[in-house]
Amino acid sequence: MDGWMVAFFVPVVIFLTIVAPVWIFMHYRSKQRAQGALSDDERLELETLAAHAERMMDRIDTLEAILDTETPGWRKRMQAE
């Protein structure tokens, strides 16, 4: 009976001290990497926001061009303030 207990106890201790912590660490590391990727909805929202930002930059460029034409020194005044 004692030999059976030792034969069972030693592998269990080795498993719990070496294999189990590494296994748990790798499991949660792979879960974290999987969550780092964007879902389809998030990717679509990001692309939509990027398109809105691009349109906004075009509008700002247009407004700055209009201001350059109508009020030539507006940039210098803005920097002075």
PDB file of N, CA and C in Angstrom:
ATOM      1  N   MET A   1       0.822  -1.198   0.000  1.00  0.00           N
ATOM      2  CA  MET A   1       0.000   0.000   0.000  1.00  0.00           C
ATOM      3  C   MET A   1       0.865   1.260   0.000  1.00  0.00           C
ATOM      4  N   ASP A   2       1.981   1.241   0.744  1.00  0.00           N
ATOM      5  CA  ASP A   2       2.831   2.427   0.798  1.00  0.00           C
ATOM      6  C   ASP A   2       3.455   2.720  -0.567  1.00  0.00           C
ATOM      7  N   GLY A   3       3.843   1.679  -1.293  1.00  0.00           N
ATOM      8  CA  GLY A   3       4.411   1.870  -2.623  1.00  0.00           C
ATOM      9  C   GLY A   3       3.403   2.462  -3.580  1.00  0.00           C
ATOM     10  N   TRP A   4       2.161   2.065  -3.459  1.00  0.00           N
ATOM     11  CA  TRP A   4       1.095   2.607  -4.298  1.00  0.00           C
ATOM     12  C   TRP A   4       0.872   4.089  -4.007  1.00  0.00           C
ATOM     13  N   MET A   5       0.914   4.455  -2.714  1.00  0.00           N
ATOM     14  CA  MET A   5       0.712   5.860  -2.318  1.00  0.00           C
ATOM     15  C   MET A   5       1.840   6.733  -2.862  1.00  0.00           C
ATOM     16  N   VAL A   6       3.079   6.255  -2.768  1.00  0.00           N
ATOM     17  CA  VAL A   6       4.219   7.020  -3.261  1.00  0.00           C
ATOM     18  C   VAL A   6       4.148   7.125  -4.785  1.00  0.00           C
ATOM     19  N   ALA A   7       3.799   6.038  -5.441  1.00  0.00           N
ATOM     20  CA  ALA A   7       3.712   6.035  -6.895  1.00  0.00           C
ATOM     21  C   ALA A   7       2.620   6.979  -7.379  1.00  0.00           C
ATOM     22  N   PHE A   8       1.611   7.205  -6.607  1.00  0.00           N
ATOM     23  CA  PHE A   8       0.535   8.125  -6.957  1.00  0.00           C
ATOM     24  C   PHE A   8       0.869   9.544  -6.510  1.00  0.00           C
ATOM     25  N   PHE A   9       1.447   9.694  -5.331  1.00  0.00           N
ATOM     26  CA  PHE A   9       1.694  11.010  -4.734  1.00  0.00           C
ATOM     27  C   PHE A   9       2.761  11.796  -5.496  1.00  0.00           C
ATOM     28  N   VAL A  10       3.856  11.173  -5.881  1.00  0.00           N
ATOM     29  CA  VAL A  10       4.959  11.873  -6.543  1.00  0.00           C
ATOM     30  C   VAL A  10       4.516  12.477  -7.888  1.00  0.00           C
ATOM     31  N   PRO A  11       3.862  11.732  -8.779  1.00  0.00           N
ATOM     32  CA  PRO A  11       3.417  12.372 -10.030  1.00  0.00           C
ATOM     33  C   PRO A  11       2.393  13.481  -9.804  1.00  0.00           C
ATOM     34  N   VAL A  12       1.534  13.333  -8.820  1.00  0.00           N
ATOM     35  CA  VAL A  12       0.554  14.378  -8.520  1.00  0.00           C
ATOM     36  C   VAL A  12       1.254  15.644  -8.071  1.00  0.00           C
ATOM     37  N   VAL A  13       2.250  15.518  -7.199  1.00  0.00           N
ATOM     38  CA  VAL A  13       2.994  16.694  -6.717  1.00  0.00           C
ATOM     39  C   VAL A  13       3.742  17.347  -7.873  1.00  0.00           C
ATOM     40  N   ILE A  14       4.380  16.559  -8.720  1.00  0.00           N
ATOM     41  CA  ILE A  14       5.097  17.114  -9.869  1.00  0.00           C
ATOM     42  C   ILE A  14       4.120  17.825 -10.806  1.00  0.00           C
ATOM     43  N   PHE A  15       2.970  17.221 -11.042  1.00  0.00           N
ATOM     44  CA  PHE A  15       1.967  17.841 -11.909  1.00  0.00           C
ATOM     45  C   PHE A  15       1.501  19.169 -11.320  1.00  0.00           C
ATOM     46  N   LEU A  16       1.197  19.184 -10.027  1.00  0.00           N
ATOM     47  CA  LEU A  16       0.666  20.400  -9.405  1.00  0.00           C
ATOM     48  C   LEU A  16       1.707  21.504  -9.264  1.00  0.00           C
ATOM     49  N   THR A  17       2.988  21.167  -9.170  1.00  0.00           N
ATOM     50  CA  THR A  17       4.008  22.201  -8.984  1.00  0.00           C
ATOM     51  C   THR A  17       4.627  22.687 -10.289  1.00  0.00           C
ATOM     52  N   ILE A  18       4.611  21.848 -11.331  1.00  0.00           N
ATOM     53  CA  ILE A  18       5.265  22.246 -12.576  1.00  0.00           C
ATOM     54  C   ILE A  18       4.268  22.368 -13.727  1.00  0.00           C
ATOM     55  N   VAL A  19       3.534  21.335 -13.997  1.00  0.00           N
ATOM     56  CA  VAL A  19       2.689  21.306 -15.195  1.00  0.00           C
ATOM     57  C   VAL A  19       1.473  22.217 -15.051  1.00  0.00           C
ATOM     58  N   ALA A  20       0.765  22.136 -13.938  1.00  0.00           N
ATOM     59  CA  ALA A  20      -0.472  22.906 -13.766  1.00  0.00           C
ATOM     60  C   ALA A  20      -0.251  24.420 -13.862  1.00  0.00           C
ATOM     61  N   PRO A  21       0.753  24.994 -13.161  1.00  0.00           N
ATOM     62  CA  PRO A  21       0.942  26.452 -13.305  1.00  0.00           C
ATOM     63  C   PRO A  21       1.271  26.885 -14.735  1.00  0.00           C
ATOM     64  N   VAL A  22       2.122  26.101 -15.416  1.00  0.00           N
ATOM     65  CA  VAL A  22       2.459  26.445 -16.806  1.00  0.00           C
ATOM     66  C   VAL A  22       1.220  26.328 -17.685  1.00  0.00           C
ATOM     67  N   TRP A  23       0.434  25.309 -17.467  1.00  0.00           N
ATOM     68  CA  TRP A  23      -0.788  25.085 -18.231  1.00  0.00           C
ATOM     69  C   TRP A  23      -1.760  26.256 -18.036  1.00  0.00           C
ATOM     70  N   ILE A  24      -1.955  26.653 -16.789  1.00  0.00           N
ATOM     71  CA  ILE A  24      -2.867  27.760 -16.485  1.00  0.00           C
ATOM     72  C   ILE A  24      -2.353  29.055 -17.110  1.00  0.00           C
ATOM     73  N   PHE A  25      -1.036  29.307 -16.987  1.00  0.00           N
ATOM     74  CA  PHE A  25      -0.450  30.511 -17.553  1.00  0.00           C
ATOM     75  C   PHE A  25      -0.651  30.555 -19.072  1.00  0.00           C
ATOM     76  N   MET A  26      -0.374  29.468 -19.740  1.00  0.00           N
ATOM     77  CA  MET A  26      -0.521  29.427 -21.189  1.00  0.00           C
ATOM     78  C   MET A  26      -1.989  29.557 -21.607  1.00  0.00           C
ATOM     79  N   HIS A  27      -2.879  28.983 -20.842  1.00  0.00           N
ATOM     80  CA  HIS A  27      -4.306  29.086 -21.147  1.00  0.00           C
ATOM     81  C   HIS A  27      -4.775  30.542 -21.132  1.00  0.00           C
ATOM     82  N   TYR A  28      -4.470  31.256 -20.047  1.00  0.00           N
ATOM     83  CA  TYR A  28      -4.932  32.640 -19.950  1.00  0.00           C
ATOM     84  C   TYR A  28      -4.174  33.555 -20.903  1.00  0.00           C
ATOM     85  N   ARG A  29      -2.935  33.213 -21.224  1.00  0.00           N
ATOM     86  CA  ARG A  29      -2.194  34.008 -22.196  1.00  0.00           C
ATOM     87  C   ARG A  29      -2.837  33.882 -23.575  1.00  0.00           C
ATOM     88  N   SER A  30      -3.245  32.667 -23.946  1.00  0.00           N
ATOM     89  CA  SER A  30      -3.891  32.496 -25.240  1.00  0.00           C
ATOM     90  C   SER A  30      -5.264  33.166 -25.269  1.00  0.00           C
ATOM     91  N   LYS A  31      -5.985  33.162 -24.151  1.00  0.00           N
ATOM     92  CA  LYS A  31      -7.275  33.861 -24.082  1.00  0.00           C
ATOM     93  C   LYS A  31      -7.076  35.369 -24.246  1.00  0.00           C
ATOM     94  N   GLN A  32      -6.044  35.897 -23.613  1.00  0.00           N
ATOM     95  CA  GLN A  32      -5.778  37.333 -23.700  1.00  0.00           C
ATOM     96  C   GLN A  32      -5.440  37.722 -25.138  1.00  0.00           C
ATOM     97  N   ARG A  33      -4.659  36.904 -25.821  1.00  0.00           N
ATOM     98  CA  ARG A  33      -4.327  37.200 -27.219  1.00  0.00           C
ATOM     99  C   ARG A  33      -5.561  37.143 -28.104  1.00  0.00           C
ATOM    100  N   ALA A  34      -6.440  36.193 -27.823  1.00  0.00           N
ATOM    101  CA  ALA A  34      -7.655  36.067 -28.624  1.00  0.00           C
ATOM    102  C   ALA A  34      -8.561  37.273 -28.424  1.00  0.00           C
ATOM    103  N   GLN A  35      -8.592  37.811 -27.226  1.00  0.00           N
ATOM    104  CA  GLN A  35      -9.434  38.976 -26.953  1.00  0.00           C
ATOM    105  C   GLN A  35      -8.832  40.249 -27.516  1.00  0.00           C
ATOM    106  N   GLY A  36      -7.532  40.249 -27.803  1.00  0.00           N
ATOM    107  CA  GLY A  36      -6.876  41.428 -28.336  1.00  0.00           C
ATOM    108  C   GLY A  36      -7.296  41.754 -29.752  1.00  0.00           C
ATOM    109  N   ALA A  37      -7.780  40.793 -30.480  1.00  0.00           N
ATOM    110  CA  ALA A  37      -8.203  41.016 -31.860  1.00  0.00           C
ATOM    111  C   ALA A  37      -9.566  41.703 -31.884  1.00  0.00           C
ATOM    112  N   LEU A  38      -9.796  42.474 -32.910  1.00  0.00           N
ATOM    113  CA  LEU A  38     -11.069  43.177 -33.050  1.00  0.00           C
ATOM    114  C   LEU A  38     -12.132  42.239 -33.607  1.00  0.00           C
ATOM    115  N   SER A  39     -13.324  42.386 -33.102  1.00  0.00           N
ATOM    116  CA  SER A  39     -14.439  41.629 -33.659  1.00  0.00           C
ATOM    117  C   SER A  39     -14.871  42.290 -34.971  1.00  0.00           C
ATOM    118  N   ASP A  40     -15.748  41.634 -35.702  1.00  0.00           N
ATOM    119  CA  ASP A  40     -16.216  42.197 -36.975  1.00  0.00           C
ATOM    120  C   ASP A  40     -16.941  43.520 -36.763  1.00  0.00           C
ATOM    121  N   ASP A  41     -17.754  43.596 -35.711  1.00  0.00           N
ATOM    122  CA  ASP A  41     -18.475  44.848 -35.424  1.00  0.00           C
ATOM    123  C   ASP A  41     -17.506  45.965 -35.064  1.00  0.00           C
ATOM    124  N   GLU A  42     -16.494  45.649 -34.265  1.00  0.00           N
ATOM    125  CA  GLU A  42     -15.515  46.665 -33.881  1.00  0.00           C
ATOM    126  C   GLU A  42     -14.704  47.124 -35.084  1.00  0.00           C
ATOM    127  N   ARG A  43     -14.343  46.189 -35.943  1.00  0.00           N
ATOM    128  CA  ARG A  43     -13.592  46.550 -37.143  1.00  0.00           C
ATOM    129  C   ARG A  43     -14.429  47.452 -38.054  1.00  0.00           C
ATOM    130  N   LEU A  44     -15.715  47.138 -38.220  1.00  0.00           N
ATOM    131  CA  LEU A  44     -16.607  47.960 -39.037  1.00  0.00           C
ATOM    132  C   LEU A  44     -16.750  49.357 -38.441  1.00  0.00           C
ATOM    133  N   GLU A  45     -16.898  49.431 -37.119  1.00  0.00           N
ATOM    134  CA  GLU A  45     -17.010  50.732 -36.464  1.00  0.00           C
ATOM    135  C   GLU A  45     -15.729  51.541 -36.630  1.00  0.00           C
ATOM    136  N   LEU A  46     -14.582  50.879 -36.520  1.00  0.00           N
ATOM    137  CA  LEU A  46     -13.302  51.565 -36.701  1.00  0.00           C
ATOM    138  C   LEU A  46     -13.166  52.101 -38.121  1.00  0.00           C
ATOM    139  N   GLU A  47     -13.558  51.316 -39.109  1.00  0.00           N
ATOM    140  CA  GLU A  47     -13.500  51.783 -40.493  1.00  0.00           C
ATOM    141  C   GLU A  47     -14.451  52.947 -40.732  1.00  0.00           C
ATOM    142  N   THR A  48     -15.623  52.896 -40.099  1.00  0.00           N
ATOM    143  CA  THR A  48     -16.585  53.997 -40.224  1.00  0.00           C
ATOM    144  C   THR A  48     -16.023  55.269 -39.609  1.00  0.00           C
ATOM    145  N   LEU A  49     -15.432  55.137 -38.430  1.00  0.00           N
ATOM    146  CA  LEU A  49     -14.835  56.306 -37.778  1.00  0.00           C
ATOM    147  C   LEU A  49     -13.669  56.864 -38.591  1.00  0.00           C
ATOM    148  N   ALA A  50     -12.885  56.000 -39.196  1.00  0.00           N
ATOM    149  CA  ALA A  50     -11.777  56.466 -40.031  1.00  0.00           C
ATOM    150  C   ALA A  50     -12.297  57.224 -41.246  1.00  0.00           C
ATOM    151  N   ALA A  51     -13.392  56.740 -41.838  1.00  0.00           N
ATOM    152  CA  ALA A  51     -13.987  57.443 -42.982  1.00  0.00           C
ATOM    153  C   ALA A  51     -14.527  58.808 -42.559  1.00  0.00           C
ATOM    154  N   HIS A  52     -15.167  58.864 -41.386  1.00  0.00           N
ATOM    155  CA  HIS A  52     -15.668  60.151 -40.877  1.00  0.00           C
ATOM    156  C   HIS A  52     -14.508  61.112 -40.620  1.00  0.00           C
ATOM    157  N   ALA A  53     -13.426  60.609 -40.063  1.00  0.00           N
ATOM    158  CA  ALA A  53     -12.264  61.462 -39.792  1.00  0.00           C
ATOM    159  C   ALA A  53     -11.669  61.994 -41.094  1.00  0.00           C
ATOM    160  N   GLU A  54     -11.620  61.145 -42.109  1.00  0.00           N
ATOM    161  CA  GLU A  54     -11.095  61.577 -43.404  1.00  0.00           C
ATOM    162  C   GLU A  54     -11.966  62.682 -44.014  1.00  0.00           C
ATOM    163  N   ARG A  55     -13.282  62.507 -43.932  1.00  0.00           N
ATOM    164  CA  ARG A  55     -14.189  63.547 -44.446  1.00  0.00           C
ATOM    165  C   ARG A  55     -14.035  64.839 -43.649  1.00  0.00           C
ATOM    166  N   MET A  56     -13.866  64.719 -42.338  1.00  0.00           N
ATOM    167  CA  MET A  56     -13.699  65.908 -41.501  1.00  0.00           C
ATOM    168  C   MET A  56     -12.399  66.639 -41.862  1.00  0.00           C
ATOM    169  N   MET A  57     -11.331  65.879 -42.133  1.00  0.00           N
ATOM    170  CA  MET A  57     -10.073  66.516 -42.527  1.00  0.00           C
ATOM    171  C   MET A  57     -10.230  67.242 -43.864  1.00  0.00           C
ATOM    172  N   ASP A  58     -10.981  66.654 -44.787  1.00  0.00           N
ATOM    173  CA  ASP A  58     -11.239  67.327 -46.065  1.00  0.00           C
ATOM    174  C   ASP A  58     -12.006  68.632 -45.843  1.00  0.00           C
ATOM    175  N   ARG A  59     -12.985  68.599 -44.959  1.00  0.00           N
ATOM    176  CA  ARG A  59     -13.758  69.815 -44.665  1.00  0.00           C
ATOM    177  C   ARG A  59     -12.884  70.880 -44.013  1.00  0.00           C
ATOM    178  N   ILE A  60     -12.027  70.464 -43.107  1.00  0.00           N
ATOM    179  CA  ILE A  60     -11.133  71.430 -42.450  1.00  0.00           C
ATOM    180  C   ILE A  60     -10.198  72.049 -43.474  1.00  0.00           C
ATOM    181  N   ASP A  61      -9.648  71.223 -44.379  1.00  0.00           N
ATOM    182  CA  ASP A  61      -8.774  71.762 -45.433  1.00  0.00           C
ATOM    183  C   ASP A  61      -9.518  72.769 -46.304  1.00  0.00           C
ATOM    184  N   THR A  62     -10.775  72.483 -46.628  1.00  0.00           N
ATOM    185  CA  THR A  62     -11.592  73.393 -47.428  1.00  0.00           C
ATOM    186  C   THR A  62     -11.822  74.703 -46.681  1.00  0.00           C
ATOM    187  N   LEU A  63     -12.183  74.592 -45.398  1.00  0.00           N
ATOM    188  CA  LEU A  63     -12.399  75.807 -44.599  1.00  0.00           C
ATOM    189  C   LEU A  63     -11.127  76.634 -44.467  1.00  0.00           C
ATOM    190  N   GLU A  64      -9.985  75.981 -44.294  1.00  0.00           N
ATOM    191  CA  GLU A  64      -8.725  76.717 -44.202  1.00  0.00           C
ATOM    192  C   GLU A  64      -8.401  77.397 -45.528  1.00  0.00           C
ATOM    193  N   ALA A  65      -8.706  76.743 -46.625  1.00  0.00           N
ATOM    194  CA  ALA A  65      -8.468  77.369 -47.933  1.00  0.00           C
ATOM    195  C   ALA A  65      -9.348  78.596 -48.111  1.00  0.00           C
ATOM    196  N   ILE A  66     -10.608  78.506 -47.675  1.00  0.00           N
ATOM    197  CA  ILE A  66     -11.516  79.661 -47.746  1.00  0.00           C
ATOM    198  C   ILE A  66     -10.996  80.796 -46.871  1.00  0.00           C
ATOM    199  N   LEU A  67     -10.565  80.458 -45.652  1.00  0.00           N
ATOM    200  CA  LEU A  67     -10.025  81.492 -44.765  1.00  0.00           C
ATOM    201  C   LEU A  67      -8.752  82.111 -45.338  1.00  0.00           C
ATOM    202  N   ASP A  68      -7.889  81.310 -45.965  1.00  0.00           N
ATOM    203  CA  ASP A  68      -6.680  81.854 -46.578  1.00  0.00           C
ATOM    204  C   ASP A  68      -7.029  82.851 -47.674  1.00  0.00           C
ATOM    205  N   THR A  69      -8.107  82.598 -48.399  1.00  0.00           N
ATOM    206  CA  THR A  69      -8.521  83.489 -49.481  1.00  0.00           C
ATOM    207  C   THR A  69      -9.162  84.764 -48.940  1.00  0.00           C
ATOM    208  N   GLU A  70     -10.067  84.611 -47.979  1.00  0.00           N
ATOM    209  CA  GLU A  70     -10.826  85.755 -47.489  1.00  0.00           C
ATOM    210  C   GLU A  70     -10.082  86.550 -46.417  1.00  0.00           C
ATOM    211  N   THR A  71      -9.303  85.888 -45.570  1.00  0.00           N
ATOM    212  CA  THR A  71      -8.580  86.550 -44.482  1.00  0.00           C
ATOM    213  C   THR A  71      -7.142  86.042 -44.489  1.00  0.00           C
ATOM    214  N   PRO A  72      -6.274  86.663 -45.280  1.00  0.00           N
ATOM    215  CA  PRO A  72      -4.922  86.131 -45.479  1.00  0.00           C
ATOM    216  C   PRO A  72      -4.075  85.971 -44.210  1.00  0.00           C
ATOM    217  N   GLY A  73      -4.226  86.782 -43.210  1.00  0.00           N
ATOM    218  CA  GLY A  73      -3.342  86.712 -42.038  1.00  0.00           C
ATOM    219  C   GLY A  73      -3.913  85.952 -40.853  1.00  0.00           C
ATOM    220  N   TRP A  74      -4.910  85.143 -41.059  1.00  0.00           N
ATOM    221  CA  TRP A  74      -5.590  84.501 -39.924  1.00  0.00           C
ATOM    222  C   TRP A  74      -4.704  83.488 -39.201  1.00  0.00           C
ATOM    223  N   ARG A  75      -3.795  82.850 -39.898  1.00  0.00           N
ATOM    224  CA  ARG A  75      -2.927  81.860 -39.243  1.00  0.00           C
ATOM    225  C   ARG A  75      -1.971  82.528 -38.266  1.00  0.00           C
ATOM    226  N   LYS A  76      -1.433  83.662 -38.649  1.00  0.00           N
ATOM    227  CA  LYS A  76      -0.495  84.382 -37.773  1.00  0.00           C
ATOM    228  C   LYS A  76      -1.217  84.883 -36.527  1.00  0.00           C
ATOM    229  N   ARG A  77      -2.453  85.365 -36.704  1.00  0.00           N
ATOM    230  CA  ARG A  77      -3.231  85.823 -35.554  1.00  0.00           C
ATOM    231  C   ARG A  77      -3.558  84.669 -34.601  1.00  0.00           C
ATOM    232  N   MET A  78      -3.832  83.499 -35.174  1.00  0.00           N
ATOM    233  CA  MET A  78      -4.136  82.345 -34.338  1.00  0.00           C
ATOM    234  C   MET A  78      -2.912  81.904 -33.526  1.00  0.00           C
ATOM    235  N   GLN A  79      -1.734  81.992 -34.129  1.00  0.00           N
ATOM    236  CA  GLN A  79      -0.511  81.628 -33.423  1.00  0.00           C
ATOM    237  C   GLN A  79      -0.169  82.639 -32.352  1.00  0.00           C
ATOM    238  N   ALA A  80      -0.489  83.909 -32.583  1.00  0.00           N
ATOM    239  CA  ALA A  80      -0.205  84.964 -31.625  1.00  0.00           C
ATOM    240  C   ALA A  80      -1.056  84.832 -30.372  1.00  0.00           C
ATOM    241  N   GLU A  81      -2.253  84.300 -30.524  1.00  0.00           N
ATOM    242  CA  GLU A  81      -3.151  84.158 -29.395  1.00  0.00           C
ATOM    243  C   GLU A  81      -2.748  82.971 -28.630  1.00  0.00           C
TER     244      GLU A  81
END
